[in-house]
Amino acid sequence: MPQRAQRTLRHEASTEGIGFVTGADVKLRFLPAPAGTGIVFQRVDLANKPFIPATLDNLVPRSRRTGIGANGASVDLIEHVMAALAGLQVDNCVVQANAPEMPGFDGSCLPVVDCLMDADFETQSAIKPQLIVSEFSTVQGDDGSLLKAKPYVGRGGLTISYLLDYGLDAPIRPQLHTFNLTPEGFVNEIAFARTFVLESEVAALKAQGIGRRTTAKDLLVFGRDGLIDNELRAVDECARHKLLDCIGDFALTGCDIHGFFHAWRTGHRQNHEMMKQLVASSHGASTGARRAA
């Protein structure tokens, strides 16, 4: 498969927003990093300012989001920042945060994309590792969710097809979006897509202390009769956001992935399981993928 050089930021960049989970005021700094660093989060609000590499090995159990932990610290809701970095092919970066989670922004990763693009990019001498899907792989949930991976036919790349279908009575209409990952395509087709939730789920989330400073204008809330206090940016925005989440979660491999993925009603847990399965198989298991340096 065609390989590319690693990239980092040309200049540092910063942005801020409110955390969806804790309601914290979060400030972020994105710093250039040497080749081979990968994406590393740093909790600058803690005494020892611990680093938390964004890897599959550092995943911690979370509901409805992706969190990582290392060196006695953790950081949550990283999937949108990871998607922005991966979508723009920023391979090496230190993300400094003064809170235990990333900002929610408008429910999408477009504010992060704008911030990173202002910083510009710098090509590095090292080659980006690849994870090449060589055989069929499947992750299936008890709830009927299904994520399949198969080899990519052609020049390679990452293509994901997401079918979102919650049934005939659901307020979110069935929708399908298929996307081949390129930086330009990510900016134009995926980055703007916002996270979504059902009105019936909001009360339970707020009872857990989640979303105390979040309103229906900050993300997509669907009631019985449709979207509340907001407008869609695309008719299939929800499916596009699921693709955004996939891209962010897949980036925890630290590789450019070459394969075709079909997803149906999947979420972060299935994304993580599939990536662990593919990485394990690339290190000598009998099926799934092979790794190229």
Protein backbone atom coordinates (compact mmCIF):
# COMPACT_ATOMS: atom_id res chain seq x y z
CA MET A 1 0.00 0.00 0.00
CA PRO A 2 1.25 3.56 -0.66
CA GLN A 3 2.93 5.03 2.41
CA ARG A 4 3.30 8.63 3.50
CA ALA A 5 5.57 10.67 5.72
CA GLN A 6 4.48 11.53 9.25
CA ARG A 7 3.27 15.06 9.99
CA THR A 8 3.08 17.40 12.94
CA LEU A 9 1.97 21.00 13.44
CA ARG A 10 4.11 23.85 12.16
CA HIS A 11 3.06 26.09 15.07
CA GLU A 12 1.31 25.55 18.37
CA ALA A 13 -2.41 26.27 18.55
CA SER A 14 -4.99 26.74 21.29
CA THR A 15 -8.73 26.69 21.77
CA GLU A 16 -11.24 26.30 24.60
CA GLY A 17 -14.76 25.18 25.40
CA ILE A 18 -17.06 23.55 27.94
CA GLY A 19 -16.85 19.87 28.83
CA PHE A 20 -20.02 17.90 28.17
CA VAL A 21 -19.37 15.45 31.01
CA THR A 22 -18.12 17.55 33.91
CA GLY A 23 -19.17 21.00 32.72
CA ALA A 24 -15.60 22.22 33.20
CA ASP A 25 -14.11 25.20 31.36
CA VAL A 26 -11.45 23.48 29.29
CA LYS A 27 -8.43 25.09 27.67
CA LEU A 28 -6.44 23.14 25.07
CA ARG A 29 -3.00 23.65 23.57
CA PHE A 30 -1.80 21.64 20.60
CA LEU A 31 2.00 21.44 20.45
CA PRO A 32 4.24 20.15 17.63
CA ALA A 33 6.03 16.90 18.51
CA PRO A 34 8.94 14.88 17.08
CA ALA A 35 8.39 12.02 14.65
CA GLY A 36 7.36 8.82 16.41
CA THR A 37 5.73 10.61 19.35
CA GLY A 38 2.17 9.83 18.33
CA ILE A 39 -0.73 11.67 19.95
CA VAL A 40 -0.13 12.31 23.65
CA PHE A 41 -2.48 14.11 26.04
CA GLN A 42 -1.08 15.99 29.02
CA ARG A 43 -3.04 17.01 32.13
CA VAL A 44 -1.41 20.33 32.97
CA ASP A 45 -3.91 20.93 35.79
CA LEU A 46 -2.32 18.15 37.86
CA ALA A 47 0.78 18.58 40.02
CA ASN A 48 3.08 16.33 38.03
CA LYS A 49 1.51 17.21 34.63
CA PRO A 50 1.29 13.55 33.57
CA PHE A 51 1.37 12.43 29.95
CA ILE A 52 -1.29 10.03 28.64
CA PRO A 53 -0.43 8.45 25.27
CA ALA A 54 -3.49 7.93 23.08
CA THR A 55 -3.17 4.18 22.53
CA LEU A 56 -5.43 1.15 22.70
CA ASP A 57 -3.44 -0.10 25.71
CA ASN A 58 -4.45 2.98 27.67
CA LEU A 59 -8.20 2.71 27.10
CA VAL A 60 -10.33 2.92 30.25
CA PRO A 61 -13.99 1.78 30.51
CA ARG A 62 -16.40 4.60 29.71
CA SER A 63 -20.03 4.79 28.65
CA ARG A 64 -20.91 6.52 25.37
CA ARG A 65 -17.42 8.02 24.95
CA THR A 66 -13.72 7.19 24.71
CA GLY A 67 -11.38 7.74 27.64
CA ILE A 68 -7.73 6.89 28.26
CA GLY A 69 -5.59 6.72 31.37
CA ALA A 70 -1.90 6.43 32.26
CA ASN A 71 0.56 7.64 34.88
CA GLY A 72 -2.17 8.07 37.47
CA ALA A 73 -4.34 10.35 35.32
CA SER A 74 -7.11 10.06 32.76
CA VAL A 75 -8.79 12.16 30.09
CA ASP A 76 -12.26 11.62 28.61
CA LEU A 77 -14.18 12.40 25.45
CA ILE A 78 -11.04 12.31 23.31
CA GLU A 79 -12.68 10.84 20.20
CA HIS A 80 -13.50 14.17 18.53
CA VAL A 81 -10.01 15.59 19.03
CA MET A 82 -8.53 12.30 17.84
CA ALA A 83 -10.76 12.39 14.76
CA ALA A 84 -9.68 15.94 13.90
CA LEU A 85 -6.00 15.01 14.22
CA ALA A 86 -6.39 11.79 12.22
CA GLY A 87 -8.59 13.40 9.61
CA LEU A 88 -5.97 16.08 8.95
CA GLN A 89 -3.10 13.55 9.14
CA VAL A 90 -1.48 15.09 12.20
CA ASP A 91 0.45 12.11 13.53
CA ASN A 92 2.61 13.64 16.27
CA CYS A 93 1.19 16.15 18.73
CA VAL A 94 1.01 16.87 22.46
CA VAL A 95 -2.49 17.95 23.51
CA GLN A 96 -2.34 19.87 26.77
CA ALA A 97 -5.57 20.15 28.78
CA ASN A 98 -6.41 21.77 32.11
CA ALA A 99 -9.34 19.44 32.82
CA PRO A 100 -10.22 15.71 32.84
CA GLU A 101 -12.03 15.87 29.50
CA MET A 102 -11.97 17.50 26.09
CA PRO A 103 -14.43 20.32 25.33
CA GLY A 104 -17.71 19.36 23.69
CA PHE A 105 -17.74 22.47 21.48
CA ASP A 106 -20.82 22.26 19.23
CA GLY A 107 -20.88 18.47 19.32
CA SER A 108 -18.61 18.20 16.28
CA CYS A 109 -14.85 18.45 15.78
CA LEU A 110 -15.02 21.38 13.36
CA PRO A 111 -13.69 23.90 15.94
CA VAL A 112 -10.64 21.64 16.46
CA VAL A 113 -10.13 21.30 12.71
CA ASP A 114 -10.22 25.08 12.28
CA CYS A 115 -7.71 25.49 15.12
CA LEU A 116 -5.31 22.92 13.66
CA MET A 117 -5.54 24.31 10.15
CA ASP A 118 -4.57 27.75 11.46
CA ALA A 119 -1.44 26.16 12.94
CA ASP A 120 -0.49 24.65 9.56
CA PHE A 121 1.38 21.35 9.12
CA GLU A 122 4.96 20.17 8.79
CA THR A 123 6.13 16.99 7.05
CA GLN A 124 8.60 14.84 8.98
CA SER A 125 11.21 12.32 7.84
CA ALA A 126 9.71 9.17 9.42
CA ILE A 127 7.15 6.99 7.64
CA LYS A 128 3.67 6.53 9.09
CA PRO A 129 3.03 2.90 10.14
CA GLN A 130 0.23 1.04 8.37
CA LEU A 131 -2.34 -1.49 9.53
CA ILE A 132 -3.52 -3.46 6.52
CA VAL A 133 -6.69 -5.55 6.79
CA SER A 134 -5.83 -8.81 5.04
CA GLU A 135 -8.83 -11.01 5.97
CA PHE A 136 -12.42 -10.63 7.09
CA SER A 137 -12.95 -9.70 10.75
CA THR A 138 -16.19 -9.23 12.71
CA VAL A 139 -17.27 -7.74 16.04
CA GLN A 140 -20.88 -8.40 16.98
CA GLY A 141 -22.74 -7.15 20.04
CA ASP A 142 -25.56 -8.76 22.02
CA ASP A 143 -27.71 -5.80 20.97
CA GLY A 144 -27.41 -6.74 17.31
CA SER A 145 -24.71 -4.21 16.54
CA LEU A 146 -22.24 -5.33 13.90
CA LEU A 147 -18.85 -4.11 12.70
CA LYS A 148 -17.13 -5.91 9.83
CA ALA A 149 -13.70 -5.35 8.33
CA LYS A 150 -12.51 -6.68 4.99
CA PRO A 151 -9.49 -6.13 2.74
CA TYR A 152 -9.52 -3.03 0.59
CA VAL A 153 -9.57 -3.73 -3.13
CA GLY A 154 -7.54 -1.20 -5.12
CA ARG A 155 -4.94 1.35 -4.09
CA GLY A 156 -5.81 1.15 -0.43
CA GLY A 157 -7.04 3.60 2.15
CA LEU A 158 -9.69 3.59 4.84
CA THR A 159 -13.35 3.39 3.81
CA ILE A 160 -16.17 3.10 6.34
CA SER A 161 -19.83 2.58 5.53
CA TYR A 162 -22.18 3.32 8.42
CA LEU A 163 -25.83 2.28 8.47
CA LEU A 164 -27.78 3.96 11.25
CA ASP A 165 -31.18 2.37 11.76
CA TYR A 166 -32.94 2.41 15.13
CA GLY A 167 -36.21 1.05 13.78
CA LEU A 168 -39.44 2.41 12.34
CA ASP A 169 -40.59 4.15 15.53
CA ALA A 170 -37.32 5.98 16.19
CA PRO A 171 -37.27 9.79 15.82
CA ILE A 172 -33.98 9.54 13.90
CA ARG A 173 -34.59 8.40 10.33
CA PRO A 174 -32.60 5.46 8.93
CA GLN A 175 -29.53 6.71 7.06
CA LEU A 176 -26.41 5.45 5.38
CA HIS A 177 -23.15 7.25 4.64
CA THR A 178 -20.00 5.79 3.11
CA PHE A 179 -16.74 7.69 3.40
CA ASN A 180 -13.20 7.24 2.10
CA LEU A 181 -10.81 9.05 4.44
CA THR A 182 -8.79 11.93 2.98
CA PRO A 183 -8.01 15.25 4.69
CA GLU A 184 -10.07 17.24 2.20
CA GLY A 185 -12.99 14.84 2.41
CA PHE A 186 -12.85 14.82 6.20
CA VAL A 187 -13.07 18.62 6.37
CA ASN A 188 -15.92 18.83 3.87
CA GLU A 189 -18.00 15.75 4.73
CA ILE A 190 -17.39 14.68 8.33
CA ALA A 191 -15.89 17.34 10.62
CA PHE A 192 -19.13 19.33 10.95
CA ALA A 193 -21.27 16.36 12.04
CA ARG A 194 -22.52 16.70 15.63
CA THR A 195 -23.12 14.18 18.36
CA PHE A 196 -26.73 13.30 19.05
CA VAL A 197 -28.92 12.00 21.85
CA LEU A 198 -32.58 11.17 22.40
CA GLU A 199 -34.66 13.48 24.58
CA SER A 200 -35.68 10.41 26.57
CA GLU A 201 -32.01 9.84 27.49
CA VAL A 202 -31.23 13.40 28.59
CA ALA A 203 -32.82 13.22 32.06
CA ALA A 204 -30.92 10.05 32.95
CA LEU A 205 -27.63 11.57 31.78
CA LYS A 206 -28.17 14.74 33.78
CA ALA A 207 -29.07 12.66 36.84
CA GLN A 208 -25.55 11.21 36.53
CA GLY A 209 -24.13 14.74 36.46
CA ILE A 210 -23.48 14.64 32.71
CA GLY A 211 -24.35 17.61 30.54
CA ARG A 212 -25.19 20.09 33.29
CA ARG A 213 -24.10 23.04 31.15
CA THR A 214 -25.21 21.55 27.83
CA THR A 215 -28.41 22.51 26.03
CA ALA A 216 -30.20 21.31 22.90
CA LYS A 217 -28.42 24.06 20.97
CA ASP A 218 -25.01 22.50 21.76
CA LEU A 219 -25.69 19.15 20.08
CA LEU A 220 -28.53 17.28 18.39
CA VAL A 221 -31.39 16.28 20.71
CA PHE A 222 -34.16 14.25 19.11
CA GLY A 223 -37.63 14.21 20.67
CA ARG A 224 -40.66 12.19 19.66
CA ASP A 225 -41.47 14.67 16.90
CA GLY A 226 -37.93 15.24 15.68
CA LEU A 227 -35.04 17.60 16.34
CA ILE A 228 -35.36 20.06 19.25
CA ASP A 229 -34.14 23.70 19.05
CA ASN A 230 -31.69 22.98 16.25
CA GLU A 231 -31.32 22.26 12.53
CA LEU A 232 -29.49 19.51 10.69
CA ARG A 233 -26.36 20.35 8.71
CA ALA A 234 -26.97 17.32 6.49
CA VAL A 235 -29.89 14.92 6.23
CA ASP A 236 -27.57 12.08 7.29
CA GLU A 237 -25.65 14.08 9.91
CA CYS A 238 -26.08 11.38 12.57
CA ALA A 239 -24.51 8.70 10.38
CA ARG A 240 -21.69 11.10 9.52
CA HIS A 241 -21.05 11.70 13.21
CA LYS A 242 -20.82 7.95 13.77
CA LEU A 243 -18.14 7.92 11.07
CA LEU A 244 -16.35 10.74 12.89
CA ASP A 245 -16.33 8.62 16.04
CA CYS A 246 -14.98 5.64 14.10
CA ILE A 247 -12.13 7.70 12.69
CA GLY A 248 -11.21 9.00 16.14
CA ASP A 249 -11.35 5.56 17.75
CA PHE A 250 -9.47 3.85 14.91
CA ALA A 251 -6.67 6.41 15.33
CA LEU A 252 -5.78 4.81 18.67
CA THR A 253 -3.88 2.20 16.65
CA GLY A 254 -1.30 4.85 15.71
CA CYS A 255 -1.47 3.60 12.11
CA ASP A 256 -2.91 4.48 8.74
CA ILE A 257 -5.52 1.77 8.27
CA HIS A 258 -6.13 0.16 4.89
CA GLY A 259 -9.43 -1.67 4.84
CA PHE A 260 -13.16 -1.46 4.22
CA PHE A 261 -15.45 -1.37 7.27
CA HIS A 262 -19.21 -1.92 7.43
CA ALA A 263 -20.88 -0.71 10.64
CA TRP A 264 -24.46 -1.12 11.81
CA ARG A 265 -25.65 0.45 15.09
CA THR A 266 -22.13 0.31 16.51
CA GLY A 267 -20.45 2.60 19.02
CA HIS A 268 -17.16 3.17 20.78
CA ARG A 269 -17.00 -0.26 22.41
CA GLN A 270 -17.24 -2.08 19.09
CA ASN A 271 -14.71 0.30 17.52
CA HIS A 272 -12.22 -0.43 20.30
CA GLU A 273 -12.78 -4.19 20.11
CA MET A 274 -12.26 -4.24 16.36
CA MET A 275 -9.03 -2.25 16.56
CA LYS A 276 -7.67 -4.49 19.35
CA GLN A 277 -8.54 -7.53 17.26
CA LEU A 278 -6.80 -6.16 14.15
CA VAL A 279 -3.70 -5.04 16.06
CA ALA A 280 -3.44 -8.43 17.79
CA SER A 281 -3.72 -10.26 14.49
CA SER A 282 -1.08 -8.00 12.94
CA HIS A 283 1.36 -9.25 15.59
CA GLY A 284 1.11 -12.88 14.59
CA ALA A 285 -2.46 -14.12 15.07
CA SER A 286 -3.93 -16.18 12.26
CA THR A 287 -6.51 -13.77 10.87
CA GLY A 288 -7.34 -10.16 10.31
CA ALA A 289 -4.51 -7.80 9.46
CA ARG A 290 -0.83 -7.25 8.92
CA ARG A 291 1.29 -4.31 10.00
CA ALA A 292 3.72 -2.44 7.76
CA ALA A 293 6.38 -0.14 9.21
